[in-house]
């Protein structure tokens, strides 16, 4: 029986991020129907009805000066997931190989994992914007979209880093509690010695 091909331990944790990137690339390559390019008037009405001043005034001003916050929110959301998946892959790949087997490489520059994920997410966002300006019909490259991509990647990576940190702390407390010595009951053979 032939062995099945597998990805390296460093690359396989990035599988979800790569699949998400492919899906994002396809989604952002689709032409935009004309009727979907309308303003979010329902959101403006909801803000007017439910928010108190001064937040309402600020939100209404932001809606007034923006043409397509819906588009920016979509970009931000897509790249928040991308940033979170990149960070999760980074964390998983850094723990996939024992420390003594890791060969030093590069110049030894340490970078925060969430900044690393933000960089790659933003770079991918820039590439999608270049592609939108060059390739698909009814799509335009936009600096605003790229900024939304980068902000989304930053938010997703930062939130995932907080989640990973909290999981490590919880796991550390559980392991510490499991390793704590058990107090022997008075009169037991171990306590008599």
N, C-alpha and C. Protein backbone atom coordinates (compact mmCIF):
# COMPACT_ATOMS: atom_id res chain seq x y z
N UNK A 1 0.85 -1.16 0.00
CA UNK A 1 0.00 0.00 0.00
C UNK A 1 0.90 1.24 0.00
N UNK A 2 0.67 2.13 -0.94
CA UNK A 2 1.49 3.33 -1.06
C UNK A 2 1.07 4.35 -0.01
N UNK A 3 2.05 5.04 0.56
CA UNK A 3 1.69 6.06 1.54
C UNK A 3 0.94 7.21 0.88
N UNK A 4 -0.02 7.77 1.60
CA UNK A 4 -0.77 8.89 1.05
C UNK A 4 0.06 10.16 1.18
N UNK A 5 -0.02 11.02 0.17
CA UNK A 5 0.74 12.26 0.25
C UNK A 5 0.14 13.18 1.32
N UNK A 6 1.01 13.78 2.10
CA UNK A 6 0.56 14.71 3.14
C UNK A 6 1.35 15.99 3.04
N UNK A 7 0.79 17.02 3.61
CA UNK A 7 1.49 18.29 3.67
C UNK A 7 2.49 18.24 4.82
N UNK A 8 3.48 19.09 4.76
CA UNK A 8 4.45 19.15 5.85
C UNK A 8 3.75 19.61 7.12
N UNK A 9 4.30 19.27 8.29
CA UNK A 9 3.68 19.70 9.54
C UNK A 9 3.57 21.22 9.67
N UNK A 10 4.45 21.94 8.99
CA UNK A 10 4.39 23.40 9.05
C UNK A 10 3.33 23.98 8.12
N UNK A 11 2.98 23.30 7.04
CA UNK A 11 2.05 23.84 6.06
C UNK A 11 0.61 23.40 6.30
N UNK A 12 0.40 22.21 6.80
CA UNK A 12 -0.97 21.69 6.94
C UNK A 12 -1.86 22.52 7.86
N UNK A 13 -1.37 23.18 8.91
CA UNK A 13 -2.28 24.01 9.72
C UNK A 13 -2.86 25.20 8.95
N UNK A 14 -2.25 25.55 7.83
CA UNK A 14 -2.75 26.68 7.05
C UNK A 14 -3.82 26.27 6.04
N UNK A 15 -4.20 25.01 6.02
CA UNK A 15 -5.23 24.54 5.08
C UNK A 15 -6.52 25.34 5.14
N UNK A 16 -7.10 25.55 6.35
CA UNK A 16 -8.33 26.35 6.41
C UNK A 16 -8.14 27.78 5.90
N UNK A 17 -7.00 28.40 6.20
CA UNK A 17 -6.75 29.77 5.74
C UNK A 17 -6.62 29.81 4.22
N UNK A 18 -5.97 28.78 3.65
CA UNK A 18 -5.82 28.74 2.20
C UNK A 18 -7.17 28.51 1.50
N UNK A 19 -8.00 27.64 2.07
CA UNK A 19 -9.33 27.42 1.49
C UNK A 19 -10.19 28.68 1.60
N UNK A 20 -10.11 29.36 2.73
CA UNK A 20 -10.86 30.61 2.89
C UNK A 20 -10.38 31.65 1.88
N UNK A 21 -9.06 31.72 1.67
CA UNK A 21 -8.50 32.67 0.71
C UNK A 21 -9.01 32.36 -0.70
N UNK A 22 -9.07 31.09 -1.05
CA UNK A 22 -9.57 30.71 -2.38
C UNK A 22 -11.03 31.12 -2.52
N UNK A 23 -11.84 30.84 -1.50
CA UNK A 23 -13.24 31.24 -1.54
C UNK A 23 -13.41 32.75 -1.63
N UNK A 24 -12.60 33.48 -0.89
CA UNK A 24 -12.65 34.95 -0.93
C UNK A 24 -12.27 35.45 -2.31
N UNK A 25 -11.23 34.87 -2.88
CA UNK A 25 -10.78 35.28 -4.23
C UNK A 25 -11.89 35.07 -5.24
N UNK A 26 -12.55 33.92 -5.17
CA UNK A 26 -13.65 33.63 -6.10
C UNK A 26 -14.80 34.61 -5.88
N UNK A 27 -15.19 34.82 -4.62
CA UNK A 27 -16.29 35.72 -4.31
C UNK A 27 -16.00 37.14 -4.79
N UNK A 28 -14.78 37.62 -4.57
CA UNK A 28 -14.44 38.97 -4.97
C UNK A 28 -14.16 39.09 -6.47
N UNK A 29 -14.17 37.97 -7.18
CA UNK A 29 -14.00 38.00 -8.63
C UNK A 29 -15.33 37.99 -9.37
N UNK A 30 -16.42 37.71 -8.67
CA UNK A 30 -17.73 37.67 -9.31
C UNK A 30 -18.19 39.08 -9.67
N UNK A 31 -18.88 39.22 -10.81
CA UNK A 31 -19.42 40.55 -11.13
C UNK A 31 -20.51 40.95 -10.14
N UNK A 32 -20.64 42.23 -9.91
CA UNK A 32 -21.61 42.75 -8.96
C UNK A 32 -22.89 43.12 -9.70
N UNK A 33 -24.04 42.56 -9.30
CA UNK A 33 -25.30 42.95 -9.95
C UNK A 33 -25.61 44.42 -9.67
N UNK A 34 -26.19 45.10 -10.64
CA UNK A 34 -26.47 46.53 -10.52
C UNK A 34 -27.42 46.83 -9.36
N UNK A 35 -28.43 45.99 -9.12
CA UNK A 35 -29.42 46.29 -8.09
C UNK A 35 -28.87 46.15 -6.67
N UNK A 36 -27.70 45.53 -6.51
CA UNK A 36 -27.12 45.39 -5.17
C UNK A 36 -26.28 46.59 -4.77
N UNK A 37 -26.14 47.54 -5.67
CA UNK A 37 -25.30 48.71 -5.40
C UNK A 37 -26.10 49.86 -4.80
N UNK A 38 -27.08 49.56 -3.95
CA UNK A 38 -27.89 50.61 -3.34
C UNK A 38 -27.41 50.89 -1.93
N UNK A 39 -27.74 52.08 -1.44
CA UNK A 39 -27.33 52.47 -0.10
C UNK A 39 -28.12 51.69 0.94
N UNK A 40 -27.61 51.68 2.13
CA UNK A 40 -28.24 50.96 3.23
C UNK A 40 -29.24 51.87 3.94
N UNK A 41 -30.34 52.20 3.26
CA UNK A 41 -31.32 53.11 3.87
C UNK A 41 -31.99 52.48 5.08
N UNK A 42 -32.14 51.18 5.09
CA UNK A 42 -32.75 50.51 6.24
C UNK A 42 -31.87 50.70 7.48
N UNK A 43 -30.54 50.70 7.31
CA UNK A 43 -29.64 50.89 8.43
C UNK A 43 -29.75 52.31 8.97
N UNK A 44 -29.88 53.27 8.07
CA UNK A 44 -30.03 54.66 8.49
C UNK A 44 -31.31 54.81 9.31
N UNK A 45 -32.40 54.21 8.87
CA UNK A 45 -33.65 54.27 9.62
C UNK A 45 -33.55 53.61 10.99
N UNK A 46 -32.86 52.48 11.05
CA UNK A 46 -32.69 51.77 12.32
C UNK A 46 -31.85 52.60 13.29
N UNK A 47 -30.77 53.22 12.78
CA UNK A 47 -29.92 54.05 13.63
C UNK A 47 -30.72 55.23 14.17
N UNK A 48 -31.52 55.88 13.31
CA UNK A 48 -32.32 57.02 13.75
C UNK A 48 -33.31 56.62 14.84
N UNK A 49 -33.88 55.42 14.74
CA UNK A 49 -34.90 54.99 15.67
C UNK A 49 -34.34 54.45 16.98
N UNK A 50 -33.15 53.83 16.96
CA UNK A 50 -32.69 53.08 18.13
C UNK A 50 -31.47 53.65 18.86
N UNK A 51 -30.72 54.51 18.23
CA UNK A 51 -29.51 55.00 18.87
C UNK A 51 -29.75 56.37 19.49
N UNK A 52 -29.10 56.61 20.60
CA UNK A 52 -29.21 57.90 21.28
C UNK A 52 -28.09 58.82 20.82
N UNK A 53 -28.33 60.13 20.91
CA UNK A 53 -27.27 61.09 20.61
C UNK A 53 -26.19 60.96 21.67
N UNK A 54 -24.95 61.22 21.42
CA UNK A 54 -24.30 61.67 20.20
C UNK A 54 -23.91 60.52 19.26
N UNK A 55 -24.08 59.27 19.71
CA UNK A 55 -23.71 58.14 18.86
C UNK A 55 -24.55 58.12 17.58
N UNK A 56 -25.83 58.47 17.70
CA UNK A 56 -26.69 58.47 16.52
C UNK A 56 -26.18 59.49 15.51
N UNK A 57 -25.80 60.67 16.00
CA UNK A 57 -25.32 61.70 15.08
C UNK A 57 -24.03 61.27 14.39
N UNK A 58 -23.15 60.64 15.14
CA UNK A 58 -21.89 60.16 14.55
C UNK A 58 -22.17 59.07 13.51
N UNK A 59 -23.03 58.11 13.84
CA UNK A 59 -23.34 57.03 12.91
C UNK A 59 -24.02 57.56 11.65
N UNK A 60 -24.94 58.51 11.81
CA UNK A 60 -25.61 59.08 10.64
C UNK A 60 -24.64 59.86 9.77
N UNK A 61 -23.68 60.55 10.41
CA UNK A 61 -22.67 61.27 9.64
C UNK A 61 -21.81 60.28 8.85
N UNK A 62 -21.41 59.17 9.50
CA UNK A 62 -20.60 58.17 8.81
C UNK A 62 -21.36 57.57 7.64
N UNK A 63 -22.66 57.30 7.83
CA UNK A 63 -23.47 56.77 6.73
C UNK A 63 -23.60 57.78 5.60
N UNK A 64 -23.70 59.06 5.95
CA UNK A 64 -23.86 60.10 4.94
C UNK A 64 -22.60 60.28 4.09
N UNK A 65 -21.42 60.17 4.71
CA UNK A 65 -20.19 60.40 3.96
C UNK A 65 -19.69 59.15 3.24
N UNK A 66 -20.33 58.04 3.49
CA UNK A 66 -19.88 56.80 2.83
C UNK A 66 -20.88 56.38 1.77
N UNK A 67 -20.35 55.91 0.68
CA UNK A 67 -21.22 55.40 -0.37
C UNK A 67 -21.63 53.96 -0.09
N UNK A 68 -20.67 53.17 0.30
CA UNK A 68 -20.95 51.75 0.42
C UNK A 68 -20.35 51.13 1.65
N UNK A 69 -20.87 51.50 2.83
CA UNK A 69 -20.35 50.86 4.04
C UNK A 69 -20.61 49.38 4.03
N UNK A 70 -21.67 48.97 3.36
CA UNK A 70 -21.96 47.53 3.28
C UNK A 70 -20.81 46.79 2.63
N UNK A 71 -20.27 47.36 1.56
CA UNK A 71 -19.13 46.75 0.87
C UNK A 71 -17.91 46.70 1.78
N UNK A 72 -17.67 47.77 2.53
CA UNK A 72 -16.52 47.81 3.43
C UNK A 72 -16.69 46.79 4.56
N UNK A 73 -17.91 46.65 5.05
CA UNK A 73 -18.16 45.67 6.11
C UNK A 73 -17.95 44.25 5.60
N UNK A 74 -18.34 43.99 4.36
CA UNK A 74 -18.11 42.66 3.77
C UNK A 74 -16.61 42.40 3.68
N UNK A 75 -15.87 43.37 3.16
CA UNK A 75 -14.42 43.20 3.07
C UNK A 75 -13.80 42.99 4.45
N UNK A 76 -14.22 43.81 5.40
CA UNK A 76 -13.68 43.71 6.76
C UNK A 76 -14.00 42.33 7.35
N UNK A 77 -15.22 41.86 7.18
CA UNK A 77 -15.61 40.55 7.72
C UNK A 77 -14.87 39.40 7.07
N UNK A 78 -14.75 39.43 5.74
CA UNK A 78 -14.03 38.36 5.05
C UNK A 78 -12.58 38.28 5.52
N UNK A 79 -11.94 39.43 5.67
CA UNK A 79 -10.53 39.42 6.04
C UNK A 79 -10.32 39.27 7.54
N UNK A 80 -11.35 39.52 8.34
CA UNK A 80 -11.25 39.19 9.77
C UNK A 80 -11.16 37.68 9.94
N UNK A 81 -11.98 36.96 9.19
CA UNK A 81 -11.90 35.49 9.24
C UNK A 81 -10.54 35.04 8.71
N UNK A 82 -10.06 35.67 7.63
CA UNK A 82 -8.75 35.32 7.07
C UNK A 82 -7.64 35.54 8.10
N UNK A 83 -7.66 36.68 8.77
CA UNK A 83 -6.64 36.97 9.79
C UNK A 83 -6.69 35.97 10.94
N UNK A 84 -7.91 35.62 11.37
CA UNK A 84 -8.05 34.65 12.47
C UNK A 84 -7.53 33.28 12.05
N UNK A 85 -7.85 32.85 10.84
CA UNK A 85 -7.38 31.54 10.37
C UNK A 85 -5.87 31.53 10.17
N UNK A 86 -5.31 32.63 9.69
CA UNK A 86 -3.85 32.71 9.54
C UNK A 86 -3.17 32.62 10.90
N UNK A 87 -3.71 33.32 11.90
CA UNK A 87 -3.11 33.27 13.21
C UNK A 87 -3.23 31.86 13.81
N UNK A 88 -4.38 31.25 13.64
CA UNK A 88 -4.58 29.89 14.16
C UNK A 88 -3.61 28.93 13.48
N UNK A 89 -3.40 29.08 12.17
CA UNK A 89 -2.41 28.26 11.47
C UNK A 89 -1.00 28.50 11.96
N UNK A 90 -0.67 29.76 12.21
CA UNK A 90 0.66 30.11 12.72
C UNK A 90 0.89 29.44 14.07
N UNK A 91 -0.09 29.56 14.95
CA UNK A 91 0.03 28.96 16.28
C UNK A 91 0.15 27.44 16.18
N UNK A 92 -0.67 26.82 15.33
CA UNK A 92 -0.63 25.36 15.20
C UNK A 92 0.68 24.90 14.56
N UNK A 93 1.19 25.65 13.58
CA UNK A 93 2.44 25.22 12.93
C UNK A 93 3.64 25.42 13.86
N UNK A 94 3.57 26.40 14.74
CA UNK A 94 4.70 26.61 15.64
C UNK A 94 4.74 25.57 16.75
N UNK A 95 3.63 24.89 17.00
CA UNK A 95 3.62 23.84 18.02
C UNK A 95 3.62 22.45 17.40
N UNK A 96 3.60 22.36 16.06
CA UNK A 96 3.53 21.06 15.39
C UNK A 96 4.86 20.33 15.42
N UNK A 97 5.96 21.07 15.55
CA UNK A 97 7.29 20.48 15.53
C UNK A 97 7.95 20.77 16.87
N UNK A 98 8.51 19.75 17.51
CA UNK A 98 9.20 20.00 18.79
C UNK A 98 10.31 21.03 18.63
N UNK A 99 10.51 21.85 19.66
CA UNK A 99 11.46 22.96 19.61
C UNK A 99 12.88 22.50 19.24
N UNK A 100 13.29 21.33 19.72
CA UNK A 100 14.66 20.88 19.44
C UNK A 100 14.85 20.47 17.98
N UNK A 101 13.76 20.26 17.22
CA UNK A 101 13.88 19.88 15.81
C UNK A 101 13.80 21.08 14.88
N UNK A 102 13.51 22.25 15.42
CA UNK A 102 13.39 23.44 14.60
C UNK A 102 14.77 23.99 14.31
N UNK A 103 15.07 24.13 13.01
CA UNK A 103 16.34 24.70 12.62
C UNK A 103 16.23 26.21 12.57
N UNK A 104 17.20 26.93 13.14
CA UNK A 104 17.13 28.39 13.04
C UNK A 104 17.32 28.83 11.60
N UNK A 105 16.57 29.84 11.20
CA UNK A 105 16.69 30.34 9.84
C UNK A 105 16.37 31.82 9.84
N UNK A 106 16.71 32.48 8.78
CA UNK A 106 16.45 33.91 8.69
C UNK A 106 17.41 34.70 9.56
N UNK A 107 17.00 35.91 9.90
CA UNK A 107 17.86 36.78 10.68
C UNK A 107 17.50 36.76 12.16
N UNK A 108 16.60 35.90 12.54
CA UNK A 108 16.25 35.77 13.94
C UNK A 108 15.30 36.84 14.44
N UNK A 109 14.63 37.54 13.55
CA UNK A 109 13.70 38.58 13.93
C UNK A 109 12.41 37.94 14.44
N UNK A 110 12.02 38.28 15.65
CA UNK A 110 10.77 37.79 16.22
C UNK A 110 9.67 38.80 15.94
N UNK A 111 8.54 38.32 15.47
CA UNK A 111 7.41 39.20 15.21
C UNK A 111 6.19 38.62 15.89
N UNK A 112 5.34 39.48 16.38
CA UNK A 112 4.12 39.05 17.04
C UNK A 112 3.26 38.24 16.05
N UNK A 113 2.70 37.12 16.48
CA UNK A 113 1.88 36.32 15.57
C UNK A 113 0.71 37.10 14.98
N UNK A 114 0.07 37.98 15.75
CA UNK A 114 -1.07 38.69 15.18
C UNK A 114 -0.61 39.75 14.18
N UNK A 115 0.59 40.31 14.34
CA UNK A 115 1.12 41.21 13.32
C UNK A 115 1.49 40.44 12.06
N UNK A 116 2.02 39.24 12.25
CA UNK A 116 2.36 38.37 11.12
C UNK A 116 1.10 38.06 10.31
N UNK A 117 0.04 37.66 11.00
CA UNK A 117 -1.22 37.33 10.32
C UNK A 117 -1.83 38.57 9.66
N UNK A 118 -1.70 39.72 10.31
CA UNK A 118 -2.21 40.96 9.73
C UNK A 118 -1.45 41.31 8.46
N UNK A 119 -0.14 41.16 8.48
CA UNK A 119 0.67 41.45 7.30
C UNK A 119 0.23 40.60 6.11
N UNK A 120 0.15 39.29 6.31
CA UNK A 120 -0.22 38.40 5.21
C UNK A 120 -1.66 38.59 4.77
N UNK A 121 -2.56 38.84 5.71
CA UNK A 121 -3.95 39.12 5.35
C UNK A 121 -4.07 40.40 4.54
N UNK A 122 -3.32 41.44 4.95
CA UNK A 122 -3.35 42.71 4.23
C UNK A 122 -2.71 42.59 2.85
N UNK A 123 -1.64 41.82 2.77
CA UNK A 123 -1.00 41.60 1.48
C UNK A 123 -1.97 40.90 0.52
N UNK A 124 -2.66 39.88 1.02
CA UNK A 124 -3.66 39.20 0.20
C UNK A 124 -4.79 40.15 -0.19
N UNK A 125 -5.19 41.03 0.74
CA UNK A 125 -6.21 42.03 0.42
C UNK A 125 -5.76 42.96 -0.69
N UNK A 126 -4.49 43.37 -0.64
CA UNK A 126 -3.95 44.21 -1.70
C UNK A 126 -3.94 43.50 -3.05
N UNK A 127 -3.60 42.22 -3.03
CA UNK A 127 -3.61 41.45 -4.28
C UNK A 127 -5.02 41.31 -4.84
N UNK A 128 -6.01 41.11 -3.97
CA UNK A 128 -7.39 41.01 -4.47
C UNK A 128 -7.84 42.35 -5.06
N UNK A 129 -7.40 43.45 -4.46
CA UNK A 129 -7.78 44.75 -5.00
C UNK A 129 -7.13 45.00 -6.35
N UNK A 130 -5.86 44.63 -6.49
CA UNK A 130 -5.21 44.76 -7.79
C UNK A 130 -5.93 43.91 -8.84
N UNK A 131 -6.32 42.70 -8.45
CA UNK A 131 -7.04 41.82 -9.35
C UNK A 131 -8.39 42.42 -9.73
N UNK A 132 -9.10 43.00 -8.77
CA UNK A 132 -10.40 43.59 -9.07
C UNK A 132 -10.28 44.77 -10.03
N UNK A 133 -9.19 45.50 -9.93
CA UNK A 133 -8.99 46.62 -10.85
C UNK A 133 -8.60 46.19 -12.24
N UNK A 134 -8.07 44.99 -12.35
CA UNK A 134 -7.53 44.55 -13.63
C UNK A 134 -8.42 43.51 -14.30
N UNK A 135 -9.03 42.61 -13.53
CA UNK A 135 -9.67 41.45 -14.10
C UNK A 135 -11.16 41.50 -14.29
N UNK A 136 -11.94 41.21 -13.26
CA UNK A 136 -13.37 40.98 -13.45
C UNK A 136 -14.13 42.22 -13.89
N UNK A 137 -15.19 42.01 -14.70
CA UNK A 137 -16.01 43.16 -15.10
C UNK A 137 -16.81 43.68 -13.90
N UNK A 138 -17.18 44.93 -13.95
CA UNK A 138 -17.97 45.60 -12.92
C UNK A 138 -17.28 45.61 -11.55
N UNK A 139 -15.98 45.45 -11.52
CA UNK A 139 -15.22 45.53 -10.27
C UNK A 139 -14.18 46.62 -10.41
N UNK A 140 -13.91 47.30 -9.31
CA UNK A 140 -12.91 48.35 -9.30
C UNK A 140 -11.98 48.15 -8.11
N UNK A 141 -10.72 48.50 -8.30
CA UNK A 141 -9.78 48.50 -7.19
C UNK A 141 -10.09 49.72 -6.33
N UNK A 142 -9.97 49.55 -5.02
CA UNK A 142 -10.30 50.65 -4.12
C UNK A 142 -9.35 50.64 -2.94
N UNK A 143 -8.78 51.80 -2.65
CA UNK A 143 -7.92 51.93 -1.48
C UNK A 143 -8.75 51.72 -0.21
N UNK A 144 -10.00 52.18 -0.21
CA UNK A 144 -10.89 51.98 0.93
C UNK A 144 -11.14 50.50 1.21
N UNK A 145 -11.33 49.73 0.14
CA UNK A 145 -11.52 48.29 0.31
C UNK A 145 -10.26 47.64 0.89
N UNK A 146 -9.09 48.07 0.39
CA UNK A 146 -7.84 47.50 0.90
C UNK A 146 -7.65 47.85 2.38
N UNK A 147 -7.99 49.07 2.75
CA UNK A 147 -7.91 49.45 4.16
C UNK A 147 -8.88 48.63 5.00
N UNK A 148 -10.08 48.38 4.47
CA UNK A 148 -11.05 47.53 5.18
C UNK A 148 -10.52 46.11 5.29
N UNK A 149 -9.86 45.62 4.25
CA UNK A 149 -9.24 44.29 4.30
C UNK A 149 -8.20 44.22 5.41
N UNK A 150 -7.32 45.22 5.44
CA UNK A 150 -6.27 45.25 6.46
C UNK A 150 -6.82 45.38 7.86
N UNK A 151 -7.83 46.24 8.03
CA UNK A 151 -8.45 46.41 9.34
C UNK A 151 -9.12 45.11 9.78
N UNK A 152 -9.78 44.44 8.84
CA UNK A 152 -10.41 43.15 9.15
C UNK A 152 -9.38 42.11 9.55
N UNK A 153 -8.29 42.02 8.80
CA UNK A 153 -7.23 41.06 9.12
C UNK A 153 -6.64 41.35 10.50
N UNK A 154 -6.43 42.62 10.80
CA UNK A 154 -5.92 43.02 12.11
C UNK A 154 -6.89 42.62 13.22
N UNK A 155 -8.17 42.93 13.04
CA UNK A 155 -9.17 42.62 14.07
C UNK A 155 -9.30 41.11 14.28
N UNK A 156 -9.37 40.36 13.20
CA UNK A 156 -9.51 38.91 13.32
C UNK A 156 -8.29 38.26 13.96
N UNK A 157 -7.10 38.69 13.55
CA UNK A 157 -5.88 38.12 14.11
C UNK A 157 -5.74 38.49 15.58
N UNK A 158 -6.03 39.74 15.92
CA UNK A 158 -5.91 40.16 17.31
C UNK A 158 -6.90 39.41 18.20
N UNK A 159 -8.16 39.31 17.74
CA UNK A 159 -9.16 38.58 18.53
C UNK A 159 -8.79 37.11 18.69
N UNK A 160 -8.29 36.48 17.63
CA UNK A 160 -7.88 35.08 17.73
C UNK A 160 -6.68 34.94 18.66
N UNK A 161 -5.77 35.92 18.64
CA UNK A 161 -4.61 35.83 19.54
C UNK A 161 -5.07 35.90 21.00
N UNK A 162 -6.07 36.71 21.29
CA UNK A 162 -6.62 36.78 22.66
C UNK A 162 -7.26 35.44 23.03
N UNK A 163 -7.97 34.84 22.08
CA UNK A 163 -8.61 33.55 22.33
C UNK A 163 -7.57 32.46 22.57
N UNK A 164 -6.52 32.44 21.75
CA UNK A 164 -5.45 31.44 21.90
C UNK A 164 -4.75 31.64 23.24
N UNK A 165 -4.49 32.89 23.62
CA UNK A 165 -3.84 33.17 24.89
C UNK A 165 -4.71 32.70 26.06
N UNK A 166 -6.00 32.96 25.98
CA UNK A 166 -6.91 32.53 27.04
C UNK A 166 -6.95 31.00 27.13
N UNK A 167 -6.94 30.32 25.97
CA UNK A 167 -6.94 28.86 25.97
C UNK A 167 -5.66 28.32 26.61
N UNK A 168 -4.52 28.95 26.32
CA UNK A 168 -3.25 28.52 26.91
C UNK A 168 -3.27 28.70 28.43
N UNK A 169 -3.77 29.83 28.88
CA UNK A 169 -3.83 30.08 30.31
C UNK A 169 -4.73 29.06 31.00
N UNK A 170 -5.88 28.77 30.40
CA UNK A 170 -6.79 27.79 30.97
C UNK A 170 -6.15 26.41 31.00
N UNK A 171 -5.50 26.04 29.89
CA UNK A 171 -4.84 24.74 29.81
C UNK A 171 -3.70 24.66 30.82
N UNK A 172 -2.97 25.76 31.01
CA UNK A 172 -1.88 25.79 31.98
C UNK A 172 -2.39 25.60 33.40
N UNK A 173 -3.51 26.23 33.72
CA UNK A 173 -4.08 26.05 35.06
C UNK A 173 -4.54 24.61 35.25
N UNK A 174 -5.15 24.02 34.21
CA UNK A 174 -5.61 22.63 34.33
C UNK A 174 -4.45 21.67 34.51
N UNK A 175 -3.38 21.89 33.74
CA UNK A 175 -2.20 21.03 33.85
C UNK A 175 -1.55 21.22 35.21
N UNK A 176 -1.44 22.47 35.67
CA UNK A 176 -0.86 22.75 36.98
C UNK A 176 -1.65 22.10 38.10
N UNK A 177 -2.97 22.13 37.99
CA UNK A 177 -3.82 21.51 39.02
C UNK A 177 -3.68 19.99 38.98
N UNK A 178 -3.51 19.43 37.79
CA UNK A 178 -3.37 17.97 37.67
C UNK A 178 -2.03 17.51 38.23
N UNK A 179 -1.00 18.36 38.14
CA UNK A 179 0.33 17.97 38.61
C UNK A 179 0.56 18.29 40.09
N UNK A 180 -0.36 19.03 40.69
CA UNK A 180 -0.18 19.41 42.09
C UNK A 180 -0.19 18.16 42.97
N UNK A 181 0.70 18.12 43.96
CA UNK A 181 0.73 16.95 44.84
C UNK A 181 -0.57 16.84 45.63
N UNK A 182 -0.99 15.61 45.78
CA UNK A 182 -2.21 15.33 46.53
C UNK A 182 -1.83 15.20 47.99
N UNK A 183 -2.52 15.92 48.81
CA UNK A 183 -2.25 15.85 50.25
C UNK A 183 -2.71 14.50 50.77
N UNK A 184 -1.86 13.89 51.52
CA UNK A 184 -2.19 12.58 52.07
C UNK A 184 -3.05 12.74 53.31
N UNK A 185 -3.97 11.84 53.45
CA UNK A 185 -4.86 11.86 54.61
C UNK A 185 -4.06 11.43 55.85
N UNK A 186 -4.31 12.05 57.00
CA UNK A 186 -3.60 11.64 58.21
C UNK A 186 -3.87 10.17 58.53
N UNK A 187 -2.83 9.47 58.88
CA UNK A 187 -2.97 8.05 59.21
C UNK A 187 -2.78 7.14 58.02
N UNK A 188 -2.66 7.66 56.80
CA UNK A 188 -2.42 6.80 55.65
C UNK A 188 -0.96 6.36 55.66
N UNK A 189 -0.65 5.25 54.96
CA UNK A 189 0.74 4.75 54.98
C UNK A 189 1.76 5.78 54.48
N UNK A 190 1.40 6.60 53.49
CA UNK A 190 2.33 7.57 52.97
C UNK A 190 2.56 8.71 53.97
N UNK A 191 1.53 9.05 54.76
CA UNK A 191 1.67 10.13 55.74
C UNK A 191 2.45 9.70 56.97
N UNK A 192 2.47 8.39 57.28
CA UNK A 192 3.15 7.88 58.46
C UNK A 192 4.66 7.91 58.25
N UNK A 193 5.11 7.70 57.03
CA UNK A 193 6.56 7.64 56.76
C UNK A 193 7.18 8.89 57.11
